[in-house]
Amino acid sequence: MIYYECHADRAFLEGLGFGSSELNKNHRFGRSRVLATVQEKVNSDALIDEDPFKGRDDFLKKLLKECVIYQDNALIYCKDKNENKIIILRPDLENFVLVVAKDLRVDLLKEFKLPKNFDDLHDLLRVEKNSNARLRFSDFIGKASDHPSIKKIKEIFKK
């Protein structure tokens, strides 16, 4: 089971190769709800944004003190006392993806018809009914599988 915050996270996870059976019923509508769910579970996975300018509860503060940071600070991996694996994207999904695209020299607009700036990408992916954009986004993530951070996420989540 992988718990995640939003529709954009689901599209990201689908791009990594996770299917509906692994993702259905795991959408938690926000970081705090994902973390609250994970605290009650054993041996689960979670994907959240760091969102450094938003508040942090005690559980997140504790996690961040015990985590391993990968790939130029773009990715944080935590494992809690219940063997839950939590990946934290820094500073958030959209900026993480923009860095991946830049590192791979991919023109998101030209190749995937996706915006190349945070605000427009955020707005496009957050619209629940914009399934075409989420499919293009998932397609990009799938094709970005050679990026070190994407490889690390797949390794951690064993995908």
Protein backbone atom coordinates (compact mmCIF):
# COMPACT_ATOMS: atom_id res chain seq x y z
CA MET A 1 0.00 0.00 0.00
CA ILE A 2 1.26 3.43 -0.95
CA TYR A 3 -0.49 6.41 0.61
CA TYR A 4 -0.32 9.73 -1.19
CA GLU A 5 -1.62 13.29 -0.96
CA CYS A 6 -3.34 14.16 -4.22
CA HIS A 7 -4.27 13.32 -7.82
CA ALA A 8 -0.90 14.59 -9.07
CA ASP A 9 0.91 12.18 -6.72
CA ARG A 10 -1.20 9.33 -8.06
CA ALA A 11 -0.22 10.26 -11.63
CA PHE A 12 3.42 10.31 -10.52
CA LEU A 13 3.11 6.85 -8.92
CA GLU A 14 1.32 5.49 -11.99
CA GLY A 15 4.23 6.76 -14.08
CA LEU A 16 6.55 4.73 -11.84
CA GLY A 17 4.54 1.63 -12.72
CA PHE A 18 2.13 1.28 -9.82
CA GLY A 19 -1.34 0.08 -10.78
CA SER A 20 -4.83 0.79 -9.54
CA SER A 21 -4.79 -2.13 -7.12
CA GLU A 22 -1.82 -0.57 -5.31
CA LEU A 23 -3.22 2.96 -5.35
CA ASN A 24 -7.01 2.77 -5.06
CA LYS A 25 -8.40 3.97 -1.74
CA ASN A 26 -5.01 5.38 -0.68
CA HIS A 27 -5.56 9.03 -1.66
CA ARG A 28 -5.48 11.00 1.62
CA PHE A 29 -6.04 14.64 0.53
CA GLY A 30 -2.99 16.18 2.16
CA ARG A 31 0.32 15.55 3.86
CA SER A 32 -1.02 15.55 7.42
CA ARG A 33 -3.64 12.93 6.54
CA VAL A 34 -1.06 10.73 4.82
CA LEU A 35 1.18 10.91 7.90
CA ALA A 36 -1.73 10.27 10.27
CA THR A 37 -2.64 7.15 8.28
CA VAL A 38 0.95 5.89 8.16
CA GLN A 39 1.33 6.26 11.94
CA GLU A 40 -1.47 3.69 12.32
CA LYS A 41 0.03 1.20 9.83
CA VAL A 42 2.88 -1.28 9.73
CA ASN A 43 5.08 -1.85 6.68
CA SER A 44 3.34 0.65 4.39
CA ASP A 45 4.69 3.21 1.96
CA ALA A 46 3.93 6.92 1.59
CA LEU A 47 4.77 9.73 -0.81
CA ILE A 48 4.48 13.32 0.39
CA ASP A 49 5.77 16.80 -0.41
CA GLU A 50 8.08 18.49 2.06
CA ASP A 51 6.27 21.82 1.60
CA PRO A 52 8.86 23.67 3.70
CA PHE A 53 6.70 26.78 4.13
CA LYS A 54 3.78 24.89 5.63
CA GLY A 55 3.47 23.80 9.24
CA ARG A 56 4.97 20.55 10.47
CA ASP A 57 3.48 18.28 13.09
CA ASP A 58 5.65 16.49 15.65
CA PHE A 59 5.71 13.24 13.67
CA LEU A 60 7.08 14.98 10.56
CA LYS A 61 9.64 16.93 12.59
CA LYS A 62 10.87 13.67 14.13
CA LEU A 63 10.98 11.95 10.73
CA LEU A 64 13.01 14.74 9.19
CA LYS A 65 15.64 14.41 11.92
CA GLU A 66 16.09 10.69 11.19
CA CYS A 67 15.95 10.68 7.39
CA VAL A 68 18.47 10.02 4.67
CA ILE A 69 18.75 12.72 1.99
CA TYR A 70 19.44 11.68 -1.60
CA GLN A 71 20.29 13.31 -4.92
CA ASP A 72 21.22 16.91 -4.24
CA ASN A 73 18.58 17.34 -1.53
CA ALA A 74 15.72 16.58 -3.95
CA LEU A 75 14.57 13.44 -2.19
CA ILE A 76 14.31 12.38 1.44
CA TYR A 77 13.79 8.79 2.56
CA CYS A 78 12.52 7.93 6.02
CA LYS A 79 11.68 4.67 7.72
CA ASP A 80 9.72 4.87 10.94
CA LYS A 81 9.56 2.49 13.91
CA ASN A 82 6.70 0.56 12.24
CA GLU A 83 8.82 -0.14 9.15
CA ASN A 84 6.83 2.36 7.06
CA LYS A 85 8.82 3.82 4.18
CA ILE A 86 8.14 7.49 3.52
CA ILE A 87 9.51 9.40 0.57
CA ILE A 88 9.45 13.17 0.84
CA LEU A 89 9.84 15.16 -2.38
CA ARG A 90 11.67 18.46 -1.95
CA PRO A 91 10.35 21.02 -1.95
CA ASP A 92 7.24 19.57 -3.65
CA LEU A 93 6.20 17.31 -6.52
CA GLU A 94 6.09 19.99 -9.20
CA ASN A 95 9.53 21.44 -8.49
CA PHE A 96 10.97 17.95 -8.12
CA VAL A 97 9.62 17.03 -11.58
CA LEU A 98 10.87 20.28 -13.12
CA VAL A 99 14.37 19.46 -11.85
CA VAL A 100 14.13 15.92 -13.26
CA ALA A 101 13.07 17.32 -16.65
CA LYS A 102 15.91 19.85 -16.61
CA ASP A 103 18.48 17.21 -15.62
CA LEU A 104 17.31 14.97 -18.47
CA ARG A 105 17.12 17.92 -20.91
CA VAL A 106 13.45 17.23 -21.61
CA ASP A 107 11.28 20.04 -22.94
CA LEU A 108 8.04 19.29 -21.09
CA LEU A 109 6.00 21.63 -23.26
CA LYS A 110 7.32 20.39 -26.58
CA GLU A 111 7.48 16.68 -25.77
CA PHE A 112 4.58 16.21 -23.34
CA LYS A 113 2.44 19.34 -23.66
CA LEU A 114 3.05 20.09 -19.99
CA PRO A 115 3.92 23.51 -18.53
CA LYS A 116 7.55 24.27 -17.70
CA ASN A 117 6.86 26.39 -14.62
CA PHE A 118 5.64 25.54 -11.14
CA ASP A 119 2.39 27.52 -11.02
CA ASP A 120 1.02 26.29 -14.34
CA LEU A 121 2.09 22.69 -13.72
CA HIS A 122 0.59 22.78 -10.23
CA ASP A 123 -2.71 24.16 -11.52
CA LEU A 124 -2.90 21.68 -14.38
CA LEU A 125 -2.20 18.60 -12.25
CA ARG A 126 -4.48 19.56 -9.37
CA VAL A 127 -7.59 19.75 -11.53
CA GLU A 128 -9.29 16.43 -10.86
CA LYS A 129 -10.98 16.19 -14.23
CA ASN A 130 -7.84 16.87 -16.26
CA SER A 131 -7.08 13.21 -16.89
CA ASN A 132 -5.36 13.89 -20.22
CA ALA A 133 -2.77 16.09 -18.51
CA ARG A 134 -2.23 13.50 -15.80
CA LEU A 135 -1.73 10.80 -18.45
CA ARG A 136 0.91 12.95 -20.18
CA PHE A 137 2.51 13.60 -16.78
CA SER A 138 2.59 9.85 -15.99
CA ASP A 139 4.07 9.24 -19.43
CA PHE A 140 6.89 11.69 -18.71
CA ILE A 141 7.61 10.05 -15.34
CA GLY A 142 7.74 6.64 -16.99
CA LYS A 143 10.20 7.94 -19.56
CA ALA A 144 12.31 9.60 -16.86
CA SER A 145 13.16 6.24 -15.29
CA ASP A 146 16.90 6.76 -15.90
CA HIS A 147 17.05 9.76 -13.58
CA PRO A 148 18.86 8.90 -10.30
CA SER A 149 16.04 10.22 -8.09
CA ILE A 150 13.39 8.28 -10.00
CA LYS A 151 15.55 5.15 -9.79
CA LYS A 152 15.93 5.68 -6.04
CA ILE A 153 12.18 6.03 -5.51
CA LYS A 154 11.54 2.83 -7.47
CA GLU A 155 14.24 1.06 -5.48
CA ILE A 156 12.81 2.18 -2.14
CA PHE A 157 9.26 1.27 -3.12
CA LYS A 158 10.55 -1.91 -4.82
CA LYS A 159 8.99 -1.14 -8.21
